Amino acid sequence: MAHLVFENVSVRYPIYNARAQSLRHQFMRIATGGKIAAEAGQTVAVTALDDVSFELKSGDAIGLVGHNGAGKSTLLRTMAGIYTQDSGRILREGRIATVLEIGS
């Protein structure tokens, strides 16, 4: 039986050399909805998922809706184990597989 649990999961992407140009920094801030933060040194991080929690059991169906950059693809990749979380806990039991078909 498949089971997936996300508990307070956050995923951040580092952006290197972002502070080199202040106009570029402002554009990134606008494009990411202000969800960028300075890390150690000159590295800036975009928060793609912030404190996400949910539970899916075998047979559950979900739909993801959101604007560009909302984190839909990041969530799916994190669910599949392609991306790792920066914080929080993920419990995966069973097999994670796509249900999309070509031509859908």
C-alpha atoms as a PDB file:
ATOM      1  CA  MET A   1       0.000   0.000   0.000  1.00  0.00           C
ATOM      2  CA  ALA A   2       1.412   3.384  -1.021  1.00  0.00           C
ATOM      3  CA  HIS A   3       1.640   6.161   1.532  1.00  0.00           C
ATOM      4  CA  LEU A   4       3.285   9.603   1.332  1.00  0.00           C
ATOM      5  CA  VAL A   5       3.616  12.076   4.201  1.00  0.00           C
ATOM      6  CA  PHE A   6       5.139  15.572   4.057  1.00  0.00           C
ATOM      7  CA  GLU A   7       5.717  17.259   7.415  1.00  0.00           C
ATOM      8  CA  ASN A   8       6.844  20.905   7.354  1.00  0.00           C
ATOM      9  CA  VAL A   9       8.881  20.383   4.163  1.00  0.00           C
ATOM     10  CA  SER A  10      10.843  23.309   2.712  1.00  0.00           C
ATOM     11  CA  VAL A  11      12.948  23.374  -0.463  1.00  0.00           C
ATOM     12  CA  ARG A  12      15.318  26.196  -1.362  1.00  0.00           C
ATOM     13  CA  TYR A  13      17.351  26.795  -4.533  1.00  0.00           C
ATOM     14  CA  PRO A  14      20.692  28.602  -4.305  1.00  0.00           C
ATOM     15  CA  ILE A  15      21.310  31.394  -6.806  1.00  0.00           C
ATOM     16  CA  TYR A  16      24.987  32.216  -7.150  1.00  0.00           C
ATOM     17  CA  ASN A  17      26.346  35.701  -7.941  1.00  0.00           C
ATOM     18  CA  ALA A  18      22.872  37.201  -7.533  1.00  0.00           C
ATOM     19  CA  ARG A  19      24.110  40.171  -5.514  1.00  0.00           C
ATOM     20  CA  ALA A  20      26.580  41.162  -8.221  1.00  0.00           C
ATOM     21  CA  GLN A  21      23.948  43.322  -9.916  1.00  0.00           C
ATOM     22  CA  SER A  22      21.390  45.170  -7.877  1.00  0.00           C
ATOM     23  CA  LEU A  23      18.889  45.429 -10.781  1.00  0.00           C
ATOM     24  CA  ARG A  24      19.120  41.667 -11.247  1.00  0.00           C
ATOM     25  CA  HIS A  25      18.524  41.181  -7.513  1.00  0.00           C
ATOM     26  CA  GLN A  26      15.414  43.379  -7.613  1.00  0.00           C
ATOM     27  CA  PHE A  27      14.073  41.545 -10.675  1.00  0.00           C
ATOM     28  CA  MET A  28      14.552  38.155  -8.960  1.00  0.00           C
ATOM     29  CA  ARG A  29      12.785  39.469  -5.881  1.00  0.00           C
ATOM     30  CA  ILE A  30       9.773  40.522  -7.975  1.00  0.00           C
ATOM     31  CA  ALA A  31       9.788  37.339 -10.107  1.00  0.00           C
ATOM     32  CA  THR A  32       9.824  35.052  -7.060  1.00  0.00           C
ATOM     33  CA  GLY A  33       7.179  36.919  -5.111  1.00  0.00           C
ATOM     34  CA  GLY A  34       9.787  38.206  -2.649  1.00  0.00           C
ATOM     35  CA  LYS A  35      10.703  34.707  -1.498  1.00  0.00           C
ATOM     36  CA  ILE A  36      14.454  35.148  -1.750  1.00  0.00           C
ATOM     37  CA  ALA A  37      16.796  35.333   1.205  1.00  0.00           C
ATOM     38  CA  ALA A  38      20.514  35.861   1.660  1.00  0.00           C
ATOM     39  CA  GLU A  39      22.504  32.877   2.869  1.00  0.00           C
ATOM     40  CA  ALA A  40      26.106  32.767   4.064  1.00  0.00           C
ATOM     41  CA  GLY A  41      28.470  34.749   1.848  1.00  0.00           C
ATOM     42  CA  GLN A  42      27.076  36.003  -1.454  1.00  0.00           C
ATOM     43  CA  THR A  43      24.646  33.145  -2.085  1.00  0.00           C
ATOM     44  CA  VAL A  44      20.958  33.978  -2.365  1.00  0.00           C
ATOM     45  CA  ALA A  45      18.270  31.305  -1.986  1.00  0.00           C
ATOM     46  CA  VAL A  46      14.789  31.131  -3.494  1.00  0.00           C
ATOM     47  CA  THR A  47      12.256  29.366  -1.286  1.00  0.00           C
ATOM     48  CA  ALA A  48      10.317  27.113  -3.664  1.00  0.00           C
ATOM     49  CA  LEU A  49       8.377  25.223  -0.961  1.00  0.00           C
ATOM     50  CA  ASP A  50       7.865  26.665   2.507  1.00  0.00           C
ATOM     51  CA  ASP A  51       6.614  24.518   5.407  1.00  0.00           C
ATOM     52  CA  VAL A  52       4.408  22.189   3.299  1.00  0.00           C
ATOM     53  CA  SER A  53       2.487  19.442   5.116  1.00  0.00           C
ATOM     54  CA  PHE A  54       0.041  16.846   3.770  1.00  0.00           C
ATOM     55  CA  GLU A  55      -0.669  13.113   3.685  1.00  0.00           C
ATOM     56  CA  LEU A  56      -1.602  10.955   0.680  1.00  0.00           C
ATOM     57  CA  LYS A  57      -2.796   7.373   0.898  1.00  0.00           C
ATOM     58  CA  SER A  58      -3.273   4.729  -1.762  1.00  0.00           C
ATOM     59  CA  GLY A  59      -6.149   5.714  -4.058  1.00  0.00           C
ATOM     60  CA  ASP A  60      -6.022   9.442  -3.247  1.00  0.00           C
ATOM     61  CA  ALA A  61      -6.106  11.861  -6.184  1.00  0.00           C
ATOM     62  CA  ILE A  62      -4.692  15.382  -6.152  1.00  0.00           C
ATOM     63  CA  GLY A  63      -4.664  18.368  -8.482  1.00  0.00           C
ATOM     64  CA  LEU A  64      -2.026  21.092  -8.390  1.00  0.00           C
ATOM     65  CA  VAL A  65      -3.049  24.567  -9.493  1.00  0.00           C
ATOM     66  CA  GLY A  66      -0.966  27.725  -9.290  1.00  0.00           C
ATOM     67  CA  HIS A  67       0.754  30.473 -11.221  1.00  0.00           C
ATOM     68  CA  ASN A  68       4.203  30.144 -12.796  1.00  0.00           C
ATOM     69  CA  GLY A  69       6.832  29.727 -10.118  1.00  0.00           C
ATOM     70  CA  ALA A  70       4.354  28.641  -7.438  1.00  0.00           C
ATOM     71  CA  GLY A  71       6.269  25.393  -6.771  1.00  0.00           C
ATOM     72  CA  LYS A  72       4.074  22.794  -8.503  1.00  0.00           C
ATOM     73  CA  SER A  73       6.912  21.040 -10.351  1.00  0.00           C
ATOM     74  CA  THR A  74       9.206  21.343  -7.343  1.00  0.00           C
ATOM     75  CA  LEU A  75       6.551  19.656  -5.196  1.00  0.00           C
ATOM     76  CA  LEU A  76       6.149  16.776  -7.669  1.00  0.00           C
ATOM     77  CA  ARG A  77       9.918  16.312  -7.982  1.00  0.00           C
ATOM     78  CA  THR A  78      10.296  16.358  -4.205  1.00  0.00           C
ATOM     79  CA  MET A  79       7.461  13.837  -3.842  1.00  0.00           C
ATOM     80  CA  ALA A  80       9.262  11.528  -6.298  1.00  0.00           C
ATOM     81  CA  GLY A  81      12.586  11.889  -4.477  1.00  0.00           C
ATOM     82  CA  ILE A  82      14.301  13.738  -7.343  1.00  0.00           C
ATOM     83  CA  TYR A  83      14.805  16.809  -5.125  1.00  0.00           C
ATOM     84  CA  THR A  84      15.686  16.630  -1.443  1.00  0.00           C
ATOM     85  CA  GLN A  85      14.156  18.862   1.180  1.00  0.00           C
ATOM     86  CA  ASP A  86      16.156  21.444   3.127  1.00  0.00           C
ATOM     87  CA  SER A  87      14.006  20.969   6.211  1.00  0.00           C
ATOM     88  CA  GLY A  88      11.063  18.903   7.348  1.00  0.00           C
ATOM     89  CA  ARG A  89      10.376  15.200   7.021  1.00  0.00           C
ATOM     90  CA  ILE A  90       9.165  13.026   4.143  1.00  0.00           C
ATOM     91  CA  LEU A  91       7.883   9.473   4.621  1.00  0.00           C
ATOM     92  CA  ARG A  92       7.536   7.401   1.444  1.00  0.00           C
ATOM     93  CA  GLU A  93       6.082   3.897   1.519  1.00  0.00           C
ATOM     94  CA  GLY A  94       5.431   1.926  -1.635  1.00  0.00           C
ATOM     95  CA  ARG A  95       6.230   2.950  -5.199  1.00  0.00           C
ATOM     96  CA  ILE A  96       5.887   6.503  -6.522  1.00  0.00           C
ATOM     97  CA  ALA A  97       4.982   6.532 -10.228  1.00  0.00           C
ATOM     98  CA  THR A  98       3.509   8.934 -12.728  1.00  0.00           C
ATOM     99  CA  VAL A  99      -0.069   8.615 -13.906  1.00  0.00           C
ATOM    100  CA  LEU A 100       0.438  10.950 -16.862  1.00  0.00           C
ATOM    101  CA  GLU A 101       0.289   9.584 -20.378  1.00  0.00           C
ATOM    102  CA  ILE A 102       1.655  11.066 -23.578  1.00  0.00           C
ATOM    103  CA  GLY A 103      -1.158  12.956 -25.245  1.00  0.00           C
ATOM    104  CA  SER A 104      -2.931  13.791 -21.979  1.00  0.00           C
END
